[in-house]
Amino acid sequence: MPVDLKAHIRPIPDFPKPGILFYDITTLLLHGEALKESIDRLVAAVRPYKPDLLAGIESRGFIFGAPVAYALGCGFTVLRKKGKLPGNTTAHEYALEYGTDTLEMHDDAVHPGQRVVLIDDLLATGGTLAAGVRLLRQVGAEVPAAACVIELSFLGGRGKLDIPVETLLTYDS
């Protein structure tokens, strides 16, 4: 019988600021069966897109992306915030509600024409995933899809993306 993943997500009211309900995955990570089920479901969701490489978005995308890449037998790279990667990087700056942020990746991480699926823990407003898609395309990658553990559908993030997004859990409010 499949594990009820929502039973392992801890809702935390008023984090990181009043009025926000935060969906904490650390409780899912503590439960071996739930973690395994999450990885297995992500593998099944990503496999049809035939990726050459997975790209995890800092930082929880690393937690899920690396084991999914391992299971699929493909490579894994990281998309990090500005200044976190050594060596030569390519960057993409994107707008936030108040200000901007930047995602970076190593210059040699992706080769033109590679199929790269993005992995993150959460799809909320879609800004970070959309920036990841743009960054990967900027270096010549084909981005057939993204996959996340949780989607907050009421925030409309899926509408900012021009690729399919596979999610394991959806919260409507």
N, C-alpha and C. Protein backbone atom coordinates (compact mmCIF):
# COMPACT_ATOMS: atom_id res chain seq x y z
N MET A 1 0.85 -1.19 0.00
CA MET A 1 0.00 0.00 0.00
C MET A 1 0.89 1.25 0.00
N PRO A 2 0.59 2.20 -0.86
CA PRO A 2 1.42 3.41 -0.92
C PRO A 2 1.36 4.22 0.38
N VAL A 3 2.46 4.88 0.66
CA VAL A 3 2.56 5.73 1.85
C VAL A 3 1.78 7.02 1.60
N ASP A 4 1.03 7.49 2.59
CA ASP A 4 0.33 8.77 2.52
C ASP A 4 1.35 9.87 2.79
N LEU A 5 1.90 10.44 1.73
CA LEU A 5 2.97 11.43 1.88
C LEU A 5 2.51 12.68 2.62
N LYS A 6 1.25 13.09 2.40
CA LYS A 6 0.76 14.29 3.10
C LYS A 6 0.78 14.12 4.62
N ALA A 7 0.64 12.89 5.08
CA ALA A 7 0.67 12.63 6.52
C ALA A 7 2.05 12.91 7.11
N HIS A 8 3.06 13.03 6.24
CA HIS A 8 4.43 13.25 6.70
C HIS A 8 4.92 14.68 6.44
N ILE A 9 4.03 15.54 5.99
CA ILE A 9 4.36 16.95 5.78
C ILE A 9 3.82 17.73 6.97
N ARG A 10 4.69 18.51 7.61
CA ARG A 10 4.29 19.27 8.80
C ARG A 10 3.92 20.70 8.40
N PRO A 11 2.66 21.10 8.60
CA PRO A 11 2.30 22.50 8.34
C PRO A 11 2.73 23.38 9.52
N ILE A 12 3.40 24.47 9.20
CA ILE A 12 3.86 25.40 10.25
C ILE A 12 3.27 26.77 9.97
N PRO A 13 2.30 27.20 10.78
CA PRO A 13 1.70 28.52 10.56
C PRO A 13 2.67 29.66 10.87
N ASP A 14 2.47 30.76 10.13
CA ASP A 14 3.21 32.01 10.37
C ASP A 14 4.73 31.87 10.22
N PHE A 15 5.15 31.02 9.27
CA PHE A 15 6.57 30.91 8.96
C PHE A 15 6.75 31.03 7.45
N PRO A 16 7.66 31.83 6.97
CA PRO A 16 8.67 32.62 7.68
C PRO A 16 8.15 33.97 8.17
N LYS A 17 6.88 34.28 7.88
CA LYS A 17 6.30 35.53 8.38
C LYS A 17 4.82 35.32 8.63
N PRO A 18 4.19 36.19 9.40
CA PRO A 18 2.77 36.03 9.72
C PRO A 18 1.91 35.92 8.45
N GLY A 19 0.94 35.00 8.53
CA GLY A 19 0.02 34.80 7.41
C GLY A 19 0.44 33.74 6.42
N ILE A 20 1.67 33.22 6.55
CA ILE A 20 2.17 32.18 5.65
C ILE A 20 2.04 30.83 6.35
N LEU A 21 1.50 29.84 5.63
CA LEU A 21 1.48 28.46 6.13
C LEU A 21 2.57 27.71 5.39
N PHE A 22 3.63 27.34 6.11
CA PHE A 22 4.80 26.68 5.53
C PHE A 22 4.59 25.17 5.58
N TYR A 23 4.85 24.49 4.46
CA TYR A 23 4.75 23.04 4.40
C TYR A 23 6.16 22.47 4.52
N ASP A 24 6.46 21.93 5.70
CA ASP A 24 7.80 21.48 6.06
C ASP A 24 8.02 20.03 5.64
N ILE A 25 9.02 19.82 4.76
CA ILE A 25 9.32 18.46 4.29
C ILE A 25 10.30 17.73 5.21
N THR A 26 10.87 18.41 6.20
CA THR A 26 11.87 17.73 7.03
C THR A 26 11.26 16.54 7.77
N THR A 27 9.98 16.58 8.07
CA THR A 27 9.34 15.44 8.73
C THR A 27 9.18 14.27 7.76
N LEU A 28 8.99 14.56 6.49
CA LEU A 28 8.95 13.50 5.47
C LEU A 28 10.34 12.86 5.35
N LEU A 29 11.39 13.68 5.38
CA LEU A 29 12.75 13.18 5.26
C LEU A 29 13.14 12.27 6.42
N LEU A 30 12.55 12.50 7.59
CA LEU A 30 12.84 11.69 8.77
C LEU A 30 12.26 10.28 8.68
N HIS A 31 11.26 10.11 7.84
CA HIS A 31 10.55 8.84 7.74
C HIS A 31 11.05 8.08 6.52
N GLY A 32 11.82 7.03 6.74
CA GLY A 32 12.46 6.30 5.64
C GLY A 32 11.51 5.83 4.56
N GLU A 33 10.37 5.28 4.95
CA GLU A 33 9.40 4.78 3.97
C GLU A 33 8.83 5.92 3.13
N ALA A 34 8.53 7.04 3.77
CA ALA A 34 7.97 8.19 3.06
C ALA A 34 9.01 8.80 2.12
N LEU A 35 10.26 8.87 2.56
CA LEU A 35 11.32 9.38 1.70
C LEU A 35 11.50 8.47 0.49
N LYS A 36 11.55 7.17 0.72
CA LYS A 36 11.70 6.22 -0.39
C LYS A 36 10.53 6.33 -1.36
N GLU A 37 9.32 6.42 -0.83
CA GLU A 37 8.13 6.56 -1.68
C GLU A 37 8.21 7.84 -2.52
N SER A 38 8.66 8.92 -1.91
CA SER A 38 8.80 10.19 -2.64
C SER A 38 9.77 10.05 -3.79
N ILE A 39 10.93 9.46 -3.52
CA ILE A 39 11.94 9.28 -4.57
C ILE A 39 11.41 8.37 -5.66
N ASP A 40 10.80 7.25 -5.27
CA ASP A 40 10.25 6.31 -6.26
C ASP A 40 9.20 6.99 -7.15
N ARG A 41 8.34 7.80 -6.56
CA ARG A 41 7.31 8.48 -7.35
C ARG A 41 7.92 9.54 -8.27
N LEU A 42 8.94 10.23 -7.80
CA LEU A 42 9.62 11.21 -8.65
C LEU A 42 10.32 10.52 -9.82
N VAL A 43 10.95 9.38 -9.55
CA VAL A 43 11.59 8.62 -10.62
C VAL A 43 10.56 8.24 -11.68
N ALA A 44 9.41 7.73 -11.25
CA ALA A 44 8.36 7.34 -12.20
C ALA A 44 7.84 8.53 -12.98
N ALA A 45 7.76 9.70 -12.34
CA ALA A 45 7.26 10.90 -13.01
C ALA A 45 8.25 11.46 -14.01
N VAL A 46 9.55 11.36 -13.71
CA VAL A 46 10.59 11.96 -14.54
C VAL A 46 11.02 11.04 -15.69
N ARG A 47 11.02 9.75 -15.46
CA ARG A 47 11.52 8.78 -16.45
C ARG A 47 10.97 9.00 -17.86
N PRO A 48 9.67 9.24 -18.05
CA PRO A 48 9.14 9.39 -19.42
C PRO A 48 9.76 10.56 -20.20
N TYR A 49 10.36 11.51 -19.52
CA TYR A 49 10.96 12.67 -20.20
C TYR A 49 12.38 12.38 -20.70
N LYS A 50 12.89 11.19 -20.41
CA LYS A 50 14.18 10.72 -20.88
C LYS A 50 15.32 11.74 -20.68
N PRO A 51 15.53 12.16 -19.44
CA PRO A 51 16.59 13.16 -19.22
C PRO A 51 17.99 12.59 -19.38
N ASP A 52 18.89 13.43 -19.85
CA ASP A 52 20.32 13.13 -19.84
C ASP A 52 20.91 13.54 -18.49
N LEU A 53 20.25 14.52 -17.88
CA LEU A 53 20.77 15.18 -16.69
C LEU A 53 19.59 15.73 -15.90
N LEU A 54 19.73 15.74 -14.57
CA LEU A 54 18.77 16.43 -13.72
C LEU A 54 19.47 17.64 -13.12
N ALA A 55 18.72 18.71 -12.89
CA ALA A 55 19.25 19.91 -12.26
C ALA A 55 18.41 20.20 -11.02
N GLY A 56 19.04 20.20 -9.87
CA GLY A 56 18.36 20.48 -8.62
C GLY A 56 18.53 21.93 -8.24
N ILE A 57 17.43 22.54 -7.79
CA ILE A 57 17.46 23.94 -7.38
C ILE A 57 17.74 24.01 -5.89
N GLU A 58 18.65 24.92 -5.52
CA GLU A 58 19.08 25.09 -4.14
C GLU A 58 17.89 25.33 -3.22
N SER A 59 17.89 24.71 -2.09
CA SER A 59 18.75 23.63 -1.67
C SER A 59 18.00 22.31 -1.57
N ARG A 60 16.71 22.38 -1.40
CA ARG A 60 15.96 21.13 -1.24
C ARG A 60 15.83 20.35 -2.53
N GLY A 61 16.03 21.01 -3.66
CA GLY A 61 16.06 20.28 -4.93
C GLY A 61 17.24 19.32 -4.99
N PHE A 62 18.28 19.60 -4.21
CA PHE A 62 19.44 18.71 -4.15
C PHE A 62 19.06 17.40 -3.45
N ILE A 63 18.26 17.53 -2.38
CA ILE A 63 17.87 16.37 -1.57
C ILE A 63 17.13 15.34 -2.42
N PHE A 64 16.23 15.82 -3.28
CA PHE A 64 15.43 14.91 -4.09
C PHE A 64 16.08 14.60 -5.43
N GLY A 65 16.77 15.57 -6.01
CA GLY A 65 17.31 15.40 -7.35
C GLY A 65 18.42 14.38 -7.47
N ALA A 66 19.36 14.37 -6.53
CA ALA A 66 20.49 13.44 -6.62
C ALA A 66 20.05 11.98 -6.58
N PRO A 67 19.18 11.57 -5.65
CA PRO A 67 18.77 10.16 -5.66
C PRO A 67 17.91 9.80 -6.88
N VAL A 68 17.15 10.75 -7.40
CA VAL A 68 16.36 10.47 -8.61
C VAL A 68 17.32 10.27 -9.79
N ALA A 69 18.35 11.12 -9.90
CA ALA A 69 19.34 10.96 -10.96
C ALA A 69 20.04 9.60 -10.83
N TYR A 70 20.40 9.23 -9.63
CA TYR A 70 21.03 7.93 -9.38
C TYR A 70 20.13 6.80 -9.88
N ALA A 71 18.86 6.85 -9.50
CA ALA A 71 17.93 5.79 -9.88
C ALA A 71 17.74 5.72 -11.40
N LEU A 72 17.80 6.88 -12.06
CA LEU A 72 17.63 6.92 -13.51
C LEU A 72 18.94 6.67 -14.27
N GLY A 73 20.05 6.65 -13.55
CA GLY A 73 21.34 6.44 -14.19
C GLY A 73 21.80 7.62 -15.02
N CYS A 74 21.39 8.81 -14.63
CA CYS A 74 21.83 10.00 -15.36
C CYS A 74 22.60 10.92 -14.42
N GLY A 75 23.19 11.97 -14.98
CA GLY A 75 23.96 12.91 -14.19
C GLY A 75 23.07 13.88 -13.43
N PHE A 76 23.72 14.65 -12.56
CA PHE A 76 23.01 15.62 -11.72
C PHE A 76 23.88 16.86 -11.59
N THR A 77 23.25 18.03 -11.72
CA THR A 77 23.95 19.28 -11.49
C THR A 77 23.11 20.16 -10.58
N VAL A 78 23.73 21.20 -10.06
CA VAL A 78 23.06 22.07 -9.11
C VAL A 78 22.90 23.48 -9.68
N LEU A 79 21.77 24.10 -9.37
CA LEU A 79 21.53 25.51 -9.63
C LEU A 79 21.53 26.19 -8.27
N ARG A 80 22.48 27.13 -8.09
CA ARG A 80 22.67 27.73 -6.78
C ARG A 80 22.48 29.23 -6.81
N LYS A 81 22.34 29.79 -5.63
CA LYS A 81 22.27 31.24 -5.51
C LYS A 81 23.64 31.84 -5.83
N LYS A 82 23.62 33.10 -6.20
CA LYS A 82 24.83 33.80 -6.63
C LYS A 82 25.95 33.70 -5.60
N GLY A 83 27.15 33.41 -6.10
CA GLY A 83 28.34 33.40 -5.26
C GLY A 83 28.60 32.11 -4.50
N LYS A 84 27.80 31.08 -4.72
CA LYS A 84 27.96 29.83 -3.97
C LYS A 84 28.79 28.77 -4.71
N LEU A 85 29.02 28.96 -6.01
CA LEU A 85 29.76 27.98 -6.79
C LEU A 85 31.16 28.48 -7.11
N PRO A 86 32.16 27.62 -6.97
CA PRO A 86 33.52 28.01 -7.36
C PRO A 86 33.67 27.90 -8.88
N GLY A 87 34.67 28.52 -9.40
CA GLY A 87 34.95 28.38 -10.83
C GLY A 87 34.06 29.26 -11.69
N ASN A 88 34.09 29.00 -12.99
CA ASN A 88 33.32 29.79 -13.94
C ASN A 88 31.86 29.38 -13.95
N THR A 89 30.99 30.38 -13.90
CA THR A 89 29.55 30.11 -13.85
C THR A 89 28.81 30.95 -14.88
N THR A 90 27.59 30.50 -15.16
CA THR A 90 26.64 31.25 -15.97
C THR A 90 25.51 31.62 -15.03
N ALA A 91 25.01 32.85 -15.13
CA ALA A 91 24.00 33.34 -14.20
C ALA A 91 22.74 33.80 -14.92
N HIS A 92 21.64 33.76 -14.19
CA HIS A 92 20.39 34.34 -14.66
C HIS A 92 19.74 35.09 -13.50
N GLU A 93 19.53 36.39 -13.66
CA GLU A 93 18.88 37.20 -12.65
C GLU A 93 17.38 37.22 -12.93
N TYR A 94 16.59 37.15 -11.86
CA TYR A 94 15.14 37.14 -12.03
C TYR A 94 14.47 37.98 -10.94
N ALA A 95 13.26 38.40 -11.24
CA ALA A 95 12.53 39.29 -10.35
C ALA A 95 11.84 38.52 -9.22
N LEU A 96 11.88 39.10 -8.05
CA LEU A 96 11.12 38.63 -6.89
C LEU A 96 10.04 39.67 -6.61
N GLU A 97 9.20 39.38 -5.62
CA GLU A 97 8.16 40.34 -5.26
C GLU A 97 8.78 41.70 -4.91
N TYR A 98 9.87 41.67 -4.16
CA TYR A 98 10.57 42.90 -3.79
C TYR A 98 12.05 42.70 -4.10
N GLY A 99 12.48 43.06 -5.29
CA GLY A 99 13.89 42.96 -5.65
C GLY A 99 14.16 41.88 -6.67
N THR A 100 15.39 41.37 -6.64
CA THR A 100 15.81 40.35 -7.59
C THR A 100 16.63 39.29 -6.88
N ASP A 101 16.81 38.17 -7.57
CA ASP A 101 17.68 37.11 -7.10
C ASP A 101 18.40 36.57 -8.33
N THR A 102 19.39 35.73 -8.10
CA THR A 102 20.17 35.18 -9.20
C THR A 102 20.41 33.69 -8.98
N LEU A 103 20.24 32.91 -10.05
CA LEU A 103 20.64 31.51 -10.05
C LEU A 103 21.88 31.37 -10.90
N GLU A 104 22.79 30.49 -10.47
CA GLU A 104 24.01 30.24 -11.22
C GLU A 104 24.22 28.73 -11.37
N MET A 105 24.97 28.39 -12.41
CA MET A 105 25.40 27.01 -12.62
C MET A 105 26.80 27.04 -13.20
N HIS A 106 27.53 25.95 -13.06
CA HIS A 106 28.85 25.87 -13.66
C HIS A 106 28.74 25.92 -15.18
N ASP A 107 29.69 26.63 -15.80
CA ASP A 107 29.70 26.76 -17.26
C ASP A 107 29.75 25.42 -17.98
N ASP A 108 30.42 24.45 -17.39
CA ASP A 108 30.60 23.17 -18.07
C ASP A 108 29.62 22.10 -17.62
N ALA A 109 28.57 22.47 -16.90
CA ALA A 109 27.65 21.48 -16.36
C ALA A 109 26.69 20.91 -17.40
N VAL A 110 26.31 21.72 -18.36
CA VAL A 110 25.31 21.30 -19.35
C VAL A 110 25.86 21.57 -20.74
N HIS A 111 25.67 20.61 -21.62
CA HIS A 111 26.09 20.76 -23.01
C HIS A 111 24.89 21.05 -23.88
N PRO A 112 25.05 21.88 -24.91
CA PRO A 112 23.92 22.20 -25.80
C PRO A 112 23.25 20.92 -26.31
N GLY A 113 21.92 20.94 -26.25
CA GLY A 113 21.13 19.81 -26.72
C GLY A 113 20.80 18.78 -25.67
N GLN A 114 21.44 18.84 -24.50
CA GLN A 114 21.12 17.87 -23.45
C GLN A 114 19.71 18.10 -22.94
N ARG A 115 19.04 16.99 -22.63
CA ARG A 115 17.70 17.05 -22.03
C ARG A 115 17.88 17.11 -20.51
N VAL A 116 17.43 18.22 -19.92
CA VAL A 116 17.63 18.45 -18.49
C VAL A 116 16.27 18.68 -17.83
N VAL A 117 15.94 17.85 -16.86
CA VAL A 117 14.71 18.00 -16.08
C VAL A 117 15.08 18.67 -14.76
N LEU A 118 14.32 19.71 -14.41
CA LEU A 118 14.52 20.44 -13.15
C LEU A 118 13.81 19.73 -12.00
N ILE A 119 14.45 19.73 -10.84
CA ILE A 119 13.87 19.12 -9.64
C ILE A 119 13.91 20.14 -8.51
N ASP A 120 12.80 20.27 -7.80
CA ASP A 120 12.76 21.10 -6.59
C ASP A 120 11.76 20.48 -5.63
N ASP A 121 11.75 20.96 -4.40
CA ASP A 121 10.81 20.41 -3.43
C ASP A 121 9.43 21.02 -3.57
N LEU A 122 9.35 22.29 -4.04
CA LEU A 122 8.09 23.03 -3.97
C LEU A 122 7.88 23.93 -5.19
N LEU A 123 6.69 23.87 -5.73
CA LEU A 123 6.25 24.84 -6.75
C LEU A 123 5.25 25.76 -6.06
N ALA A 124 5.63 27.02 -5.89
CA ALA A 124 4.75 28.01 -5.27
C ALA A 124 4.37 29.04 -6.33
N THR A 125 5.08 30.14 -6.39
CA THR A 125 4.75 31.19 -7.37
C THR A 125 5.33 30.89 -8.75
N GLY A 126 6.27 29.96 -8.83
CA GLY A 126 6.85 29.58 -10.11
C GLY A 126 8.06 30.39 -10.53
N GLY A 127 8.41 31.42 -9.79
CA GLY A 127 9.51 32.30 -10.17
C GLY A 127 10.86 31.60 -10.23
N THR A 128 11.16 30.80 -9.24
CA THR A 128 12.46 30.14 -9.21
C THR A 128 12.55 29.05 -10.28
N LEU A 129 11.49 28.25 -10.44
CA LEU A 129 11.51 27.23 -11.49
C LEU A 129 11.62 27.87 -12.87
N ALA A 130 10.88 28.94 -13.11
CA ALA A 130 10.96 29.63 -14.40
C ALA A 130 12.36 30.17 -14.65
N ALA A 131 13.01 30.69 -13.60
CA ALA A 131 14.38 31.17 -13.74
C ALA A 131 15.32 30.02 -14.05
N GLY A 132 15.10 28.87 -13.44
CA GLY A 132 15.91 27.69 -13.73
C GLY A 132 15.77 27.25 -15.18
N VAL A 133 14.55 27.27 -15.70
CA VAL A 133 14.31 26.91 -17.09
C VAL A 133 15.07 27.88 -18.00
N ARG A 134 14.96 29.17 -17.72
CA ARG A 134 15.64 30.18 -18.55
C ARG A 134 17.16 30.01 -18.50
N LEU A 135 17.70 29.77 -17.31
CA LEU A 135 19.14 29.58 -17.18
C LEU A 135 19.60 28.37 -18.00
N LEU A 136 18.90 27.26 -17.90
CA LEU A 136 19.28 26.06 -18.64
C LEU A 136 19.17 26.28 -20.15
N ARG A 137 18.13 26.95 -20.57
CA ARG A 137 17.99 27.24 -22.01
C ARG A 137 19.06 28.20 -22.49
N GLN A 138 19.47 29.10 -21.63
CA GLN A 138 20.52 30.07 -21.95
C GLN A 138 21.82 29.37 -22.37
N VAL A 139 22.07 28.17 -21.81
CA VAL A 139 23.28 27.43 -22.14
C VAL A 139 23.01 26.33 -23.16
N GLY A 140 21.83 26.33 -23.75
CA GLY A 140 21.53 25.40 -24.84
C GLY A 140 20.84 24.11 -24.47
N ALA A 141 20.41 23.98 -23.22
CA ALA A 141 19.72 22.75 -22.81
C ALA A 141 18.30 22.72 -23.36
N GLU A 142 17.80 21.52 -23.56
CA GLU A 142 16.38 21.29 -23.81
C GLU A 142 15.79 20.93 -22.45
N VAL A 143 14.74 21.63 -22.04
CA VAL A 143 14.12 21.39 -20.73
C VAL A 143 12.71 20.86 -20.97
N PRO A 144 12.57 19.53 -20.95
CA PRO A 144 11.26 18.95 -21.27
C PRO A 144 10.25 19.01 -20.13
N ALA A 145 10.72 19.17 -18.87
CA ALA A 145 9.79 19.13 -17.73
C ALA A 145 10.51 19.53 -16.45
N ALA A 146 9.70 19.69 -15.42
CA ALA A 146 10.19 19.88 -14.05
C ALA A 146 9.38 18.95 -13.15
N ALA A 147 9.92 18.64 -11.98
CA ALA A 147 9.21 17.81 -11.02
C ALA A 147 9.44 18.36 -9.62
N CYS A 148 8.37 18.38 -8.83
CA CYS A 148 8.43 18.87 -7.45
C CYS A 148 7.65 17.92 -6.55
N VAL A 149 8.00 17.91 -5.29
CA VAL A 149 7.26 17.11 -4.32
C VAL A 149 5.91 17.76 -4.05
N ILE A 150 5.89 19.07 -3.80
CA ILE A 150 4.67 19.78 -3.40
C ILE A 150 4.36 20.90 -4.39
N GLU A 151 3.08 21.07 -4.67
CA GLU A 151 2.61 22.24 -5.44
C GLU A 151 1.56 22.98 -4.61
N LEU A 152 1.76 24.29 -4.46
CA LEU A 152 0.75 25.15 -3.84
C LEU A 152 -0.04 25.75 -5.00
N SER A 153 -1.06 25.03 -5.44
CA SER A 153 -1.76 25.39 -6.67
C SER A 153 -2.45 26.75 -6.59
N PHE A 154 -2.83 27.17 -5.39
CA PHE A 154 -3.53 28.45 -5.22
C PHE A 154 -2.64 29.65 -5.52
N LEU A 155 -1.32 29.44 -5.65
CA LEU A 155 -0.41 30.53 -5.97
C LEU A 155 -0.16 30.68 -7.48
N GLY A 156 -0.66 29.71 -8.25
CA GLY A 156 -0.63 29.84 -9.71
C GLY A 156 0.74 29.73 -10.36
N GLY A 157 1.71 29.13 -9.70
CA GLY A 157 3.06 29.04 -10.24
C GLY A 157 3.17 28.28 -11.55
N ARG A 158 2.34 27.28 -11.73
CA ARG A 158 2.36 26.48 -12.96
C ARG A 158 2.14 27.36 -14.19
N GLY A 159 1.36 28.43 -14.04
CA GLY A 159 1.06 29.33 -15.14
C GLY A 159 2.26 30.13 -15.64
N LYS A 160 3.34 30.19 -14.84
CA LYS A 160 4.55 30.91 -15.26
C LYS A 160 5.49 30.02 -16.07
N LEU A 161 5.13 28.76 -16.21
CA LEU A 161 6.03 27.80 -16.86
C LEU A 161 5.45 27.33 -18.19
N ASP A 162 6.33 27.14 -19.16
CA ASP A 162 5.90 26.65 -20.47
C ASP A 162 6.30 25.19 -20.69
N ILE A 163 6.49 24.48 -19.58
CA ILE A 163 6.83 23.06 -19.61
C ILE A 163 5.89 22.32 -18.67
N PRO A 164 5.74 21.01 -18.85
CA PRO A 164 4.96 20.24 -17.88
C PRO A 164 5.67 20.21 -16.53
N VAL A 165 4.88 20.22 -15.47
CA VAL A 165 5.42 20.10 -14.11
C VAL A 165 4.72 18.93 -13.44
N GLU A 166 5.51 17.96 -13.03
CA GLU A 166 5.00 16.80 -12.32
C GLU A 166 5.12 17.06 -10.82
N THR A 167 4.04 16.87 -10.08
CA THR A 167 4.08 17.06 -8.63
C THR A 167 3.47 15.85 -7.94
N LEU A 168 3.95 15.59 -6.73
CA LEU A 168 3.45 14.45 -5.96
C LEU A 168 2.26 14.82 -5.09
N LEU A 169 2.27 16.03 -4.54
CA LEU A 169 1.23 16.49 -3.63
C LEU A 169 0.78 17.88 -4.02
N THR A 170 -0.52 18.14 -3.91
CA THR A 170 -1.05 19.46 -4.20
C THR A 170 -1.83 19.97 -3.00
N TYR A 171 -1.56 21.23 -2.67
CA TYR A 171 -2.34 21.91 -1.65
C TYR A 171 -3.09 23.04 -2.33
N ASP A 172 -4.42 23.08 -2.11
CA ASP A 172 -5.28 24.06 -2.78
C ASP A 172 -5.49 25.34 -1.98
N SER A 173 -4.98 25.38 -0.75
CA SER A 173 -5.13 26.60 0.06
C SER A 173 -4.10 26.61 1.17
